[in-house]
N, C-alpha and C. Protein backbone atom coordinates (compact mmCIF):
# COMPACT_ATOMS: atom_id res chain seq x y z
N MET A 1 11.50 19.42 4.66
CA MET A 1 11.72 17.86 4.14
C MET A 1 10.12 16.89 4.50
N MET A 2 10.33 15.51 4.25
CA MET A 2 9.67 14.84 4.16
C MET A 2 9.03 14.57 4.94
N LYS A 3 7.96 14.20 5.43
CA LYS A 3 7.35 13.76 5.94
C LYS A 3 7.54 11.65 5.70
N GLN A 4 7.49 11.02 7.31
CA GLN A 4 7.47 10.21 7.61
C GLN A 4 7.07 8.66 6.52
N SER A 5 5.78 8.91 6.31
CA SER A 5 3.89 8.76 6.13
C SER A 5 4.58 8.21 4.33
N GLN A 6 4.37 10.05 4.12
CA GLN A 6 5.22 9.57 2.92
C GLN A 6 6.51 9.17 2.18
N HIS A 7 7.65 9.07 2.44
CA HIS A 7 8.09 7.85 2.51
C HIS A 7 8.09 6.03 2.41
N PHE A 8 6.75 6.15 3.02
CA PHE A 8 5.81 5.18 3.94
C PHE A 8 4.88 4.90 2.23
N LEU A 9 4.92 5.57 1.83
CA LEU A 9 3.71 5.82 0.48
C LEU A 9 4.40 5.78 -0.72
N GLU A 10 5.74 6.38 -0.52
CA GLU A 10 6.10 6.35 -2.03
C GLU A 10 6.75 4.21 -1.96
N ASN A 11 7.23 3.97 -1.13
CA ASN A 11 7.58 2.38 -1.13
C ASN A 11 6.17 1.41 -1.57
N ALA A 12 4.81 1.74 -1.19
CA ALA A 12 3.64 1.11 -1.03
C ALA A 12 3.69 1.85 -2.88
N GLU A 13 3.60 2.83 -3.91
CA GLU A 13 3.75 2.92 -4.72
C GLU A 13 5.38 2.24 -5.30
N ASN A 14 5.94 1.94 -5.44
CA ASN A 14 7.07 1.07 -5.82
C ASN A 14 6.98 -0.35 -6.00
N CYS A 15 6.36 -0.72 -4.79
CA CYS A 15 5.50 -1.94 -4.74
C CYS A 15 4.74 -2.10 -6.17
N ALA A 16 3.30 -0.97 -6.22
CA ALA A 16 2.43 -1.62 -7.40
C ALA A 16 3.24 -1.44 -8.62
N GLN A 17 4.29 -0.33 -8.47
CA GLN A 17 4.55 -0.70 -10.19
C GLN A 17 5.65 -2.16 -10.58
N LEU A 18 6.20 -2.60 -9.13
CA LEU A 18 6.80 -4.06 -9.68
C LEU A 18 6.00 -4.74 -9.80
N ALA A 19 5.33 -4.82 -8.65
CA ALA A 19 2.85 -5.78 -8.90
C ALA A 19 2.87 -5.50 -10.43
N GLU A 20 2.59 -4.46 -10.97
CA GLU A 20 1.78 -4.83 -13.13
C GLU A 20 3.15 -5.23 -13.30
N HIS A 21 4.57 -5.27 -13.28
CA HIS A 21 5.66 -6.03 -14.32
C HIS A 21 5.87 -7.53 -14.19
N ALA A 22 5.33 -8.04 -12.69
CA ALA A 22 5.42 -9.32 -11.38
C ALA A 22 5.48 -10.17 -13.48
N PRO A 23 6.14 -11.12 -12.70
CA PRO A 23 6.26 -12.13 -14.09
C PRO A 23 4.79 -13.58 -14.05
N ASP A 24 4.18 -13.54 -12.82
CA ASP A 24 4.04 -14.26 -12.41
C ASP A 24 3.21 -14.10 -11.43
N GLU A 25 1.85 -14.94 -10.99
CA GLU A 25 0.62 -14.66 -10.07
C GLU A 25 0.57 -14.47 -8.15
N PRO A 26 2.21 -15.64 -7.98
CA PRO A 26 2.61 -15.04 -6.46
C PRO A 26 4.10 -14.14 -6.46
N THR A 27 4.32 -13.69 -7.20
CA THR A 27 5.11 -12.33 -7.56
C THR A 27 3.96 -10.93 -7.33
N TYR A 28 3.16 -11.14 -8.16
CA TYR A 28 1.97 -9.81 -7.97
C TYR A 28 1.77 -9.75 -6.31
N ASN A 29 0.73 -10.80 -6.39
CA ASN A 29 0.37 -11.25 -5.10
C ASN A 29 1.03 -10.67 -3.64
N ARG A 30 2.55 -11.59 -3.86
CA ARG A 30 3.47 -11.04 -3.07
C ARG A 30 3.93 -9.68 -3.16
N TYR A 31 3.55 -8.62 -4.10
CA TYR A 31 3.28 -7.45 -3.90
C TYR A 31 3.13 -6.34 -4.02
N LYS A 32 1.96 -6.57 -3.98
CA LYS A 32 0.51 -6.22 -3.91
C LYS A 32 0.30 -6.30 -2.35
N ARG A 33 0.59 -7.45 -1.07
CA ARG A 33 0.86 -7.33 -0.05
C ARG A 33 1.37 -6.47 0.45
N MET A 34 2.05 -6.55 0.14
CA MET A 34 3.67 -5.58 0.70
C MET A 34 3.16 -3.85 0.51
N GLU A 35 2.64 -3.71 -0.52
CA GLU A 35 2.19 -2.26 -1.21
C GLU A 35 1.61 -2.23 -0.32
N GLU A 36 0.25 -3.37 0.10
CA GLU A 36 -0.86 -2.41 1.28
C GLU A 36 -0.55 -2.43 2.86
N ALA A 37 0.57 -2.97 2.97
CA ALA A 37 1.35 -2.98 3.46
C ALA A 37 2.30 -1.66 4.62
N TRP A 38 3.19 -1.40 3.46
CA TRP A 38 3.48 0.18 3.56
C TRP A 38 2.20 1.34 3.71
N ARG A 39 1.33 1.09 2.82
CA ARG A 39 -0.22 2.16 3.15
C ARG A 39 -0.74 1.60 4.54
N ALA A 40 -0.83 0.65 4.97
CA ALA A 40 -0.69 0.60 6.36
C ALA A 40 -0.15 1.65 7.44
N LEU A 41 1.12 0.86 6.78
CA LEU A 41 2.41 1.80 7.85
C LEU A 41 1.88 3.73 8.11
N ALA A 42 2.13 4.04 6.32
CA ALA A 42 1.53 5.77 6.15
C ALA A 42 0.61 6.29 6.85
N ARG A 43 -0.80 5.50 6.48
CA ARG A 43 -1.75 6.13 7.69
C ARG A 43 -1.75 5.51 9.17
N GLU A 44 -0.29 4.47 9.96
CA GLU A 44 -0.30 4.53 11.35
C GLU A 44 0.46 5.66 11.60
N GLN A 45 1.40 5.60 10.61
CA GLN A 45 2.25 7.02 11.11
C GLN A 45 1.64 8.66 11.00
N ASP A 46 0.75 9.14 10.85
CA ASP A 46 0.06 9.68 10.01
C ASP A 46 -0.59 9.89 11.23
N TRP A 47 -1.54 8.84 12.16
CA TRP A 47 -2.06 8.88 12.74
C TRP A 47 -1.57 9.19 14.10
N LEU A 48 -0.13 8.97 14.51
CA LEU A 48 1.00 8.55 15.33
C LEU A 48 1.22 10.39 15.24
N ASP A 49 1.72 10.73 14.26
CA ASP A 49 2.01 11.80 14.22
C ASP A 49 0.46 13.03 14.28
N GLY A 50 -0.17 12.34 14.61
CA GLY A 50 -1.77 14.03 15.28
C GLY A 50 -2.58 14.04 14.00
N GLU A 51 -2.35 13.54 12.54
CA GLU A 51 -2.88 13.94 11.72
C GLU A 51 -4.05 13.47 11.32
N ARG A 52 -4.01 11.98 11.69
CA ARG A 52 -5.61 11.23 11.57
C ARG A 52 -6.09 10.85 12.79
N SER A 53 -7.52 10.94 12.61
CA SER A 53 -8.48 9.91 13.75
C SER A 53 -8.67 9.29 13.77
N PRO A 54 -8.47 8.25 15.14
CA PRO A 54 -8.06 6.65 14.82
C PRO A 54 -9.41 6.22 13.69
N LEU A 55 -10.84 6.54 14.45
CA LEU A 55 -11.80 6.52 13.17
C LEU A 55 -11.43 5.93 11.89
N GLU A 56 -9.80 6.81 11.37
CA GLU A 56 -9.64 6.96 9.74
C GLU A 56 -8.74 5.79 9.31
N MET A 57 -7.93 4.94 10.65
CA MET A 57 -7.47 4.17 10.17
C MET A 57 -7.67 2.84 10.29
N ARG A 58 -9.53 2.25 9.87
CA ARG A 58 -9.37 1.41 9.53
C ARG A 58 -9.07 1.49 7.59
N PRO A 59 -8.44 0.29 7.31
CA PRO A 59 -7.87 0.09 5.84
C PRO A 59 -9.28 -0.18 4.79
N GLU A 60 -9.14 0.40 4.15
CA GLU A 60 -9.51 0.84 2.48
C GLU A 60 -9.74 -0.64 2.00
N ARG A 61 -11.19 -0.99 1.86
CA ARG A 61 -11.63 -1.71 1.35
C ARG A 61 -11.18 -2.23 -0.95
N LYS A 62 -9.99 -2.63 -1.02
CA LYS A 62 -9.89 -2.74 -2.25
C LYS A 62 -10.59 -4.10 -3.10
N ALA A 63 -10.66 -5.00 -4.54
CA ALA A 63 -9.89 -5.95 -4.76
C ALA A 63 -9.28 -6.19 -4.92
N THR A 64 -9.00 -7.69 -4.75
CA THR A 64 -6.90 -8.04 -4.19
C THR A 64 -6.65 -8.23 -5.74
N ALA A 65 -8.09 -9.33 -6.26
CA ALA A 65 -7.46 -10.58 -7.48
C ALA A 65 -7.01 -9.34 -8.43
N ARG A 66 -6.80 -9.77 -9.20
CA ARG A 66 -6.03 -9.35 -11.13
C ARG A 66 -7.38 -9.41 -11.73
N SER A 67 -8.29 -8.62 -11.13
CA SER A 67 -10.18 -8.42 -11.75
C SER A 67 -9.58 -7.47 -12.72
N ALA A 68 -8.75 -6.37 -12.56
CA ALA A 68 -8.32 -5.48 -13.31
C ALA A 68 -7.52 -5.59 -15.14
N GLY A 69 -7.74 -7.12 -15.80
CA GLY A 69 -7.47 -7.24 -16.68
C GLY A 69 -6.07 -8.13 -16.46
N ARG A 70 -5.56 -7.58 -15.12
CA ARG A 70 -3.96 -9.04 -15.58
C ARG A 70 -5.27 -10.59 -14.38
N THR A 71 -4.63 -11.62 -15.36
CA THR A 71 -5.02 -12.91 -14.81
C THR A 71 -3.72 -13.82 -14.49
């Protein structure tokens, strides 16, 4: 049986793929925010399941702008 957090991570990956094919900047940003929200839920679920310590709950800092080749 798949862990709940794994389902959340799959949703995050789906959002990341949708962002890469977004037709415009607002849509891209929306999908990226949704991706991060799903990843945060996965981290929290792992914590609730006892698989992470509270110290690991801090979100990772990544560039949110389209600096990786998209403008």
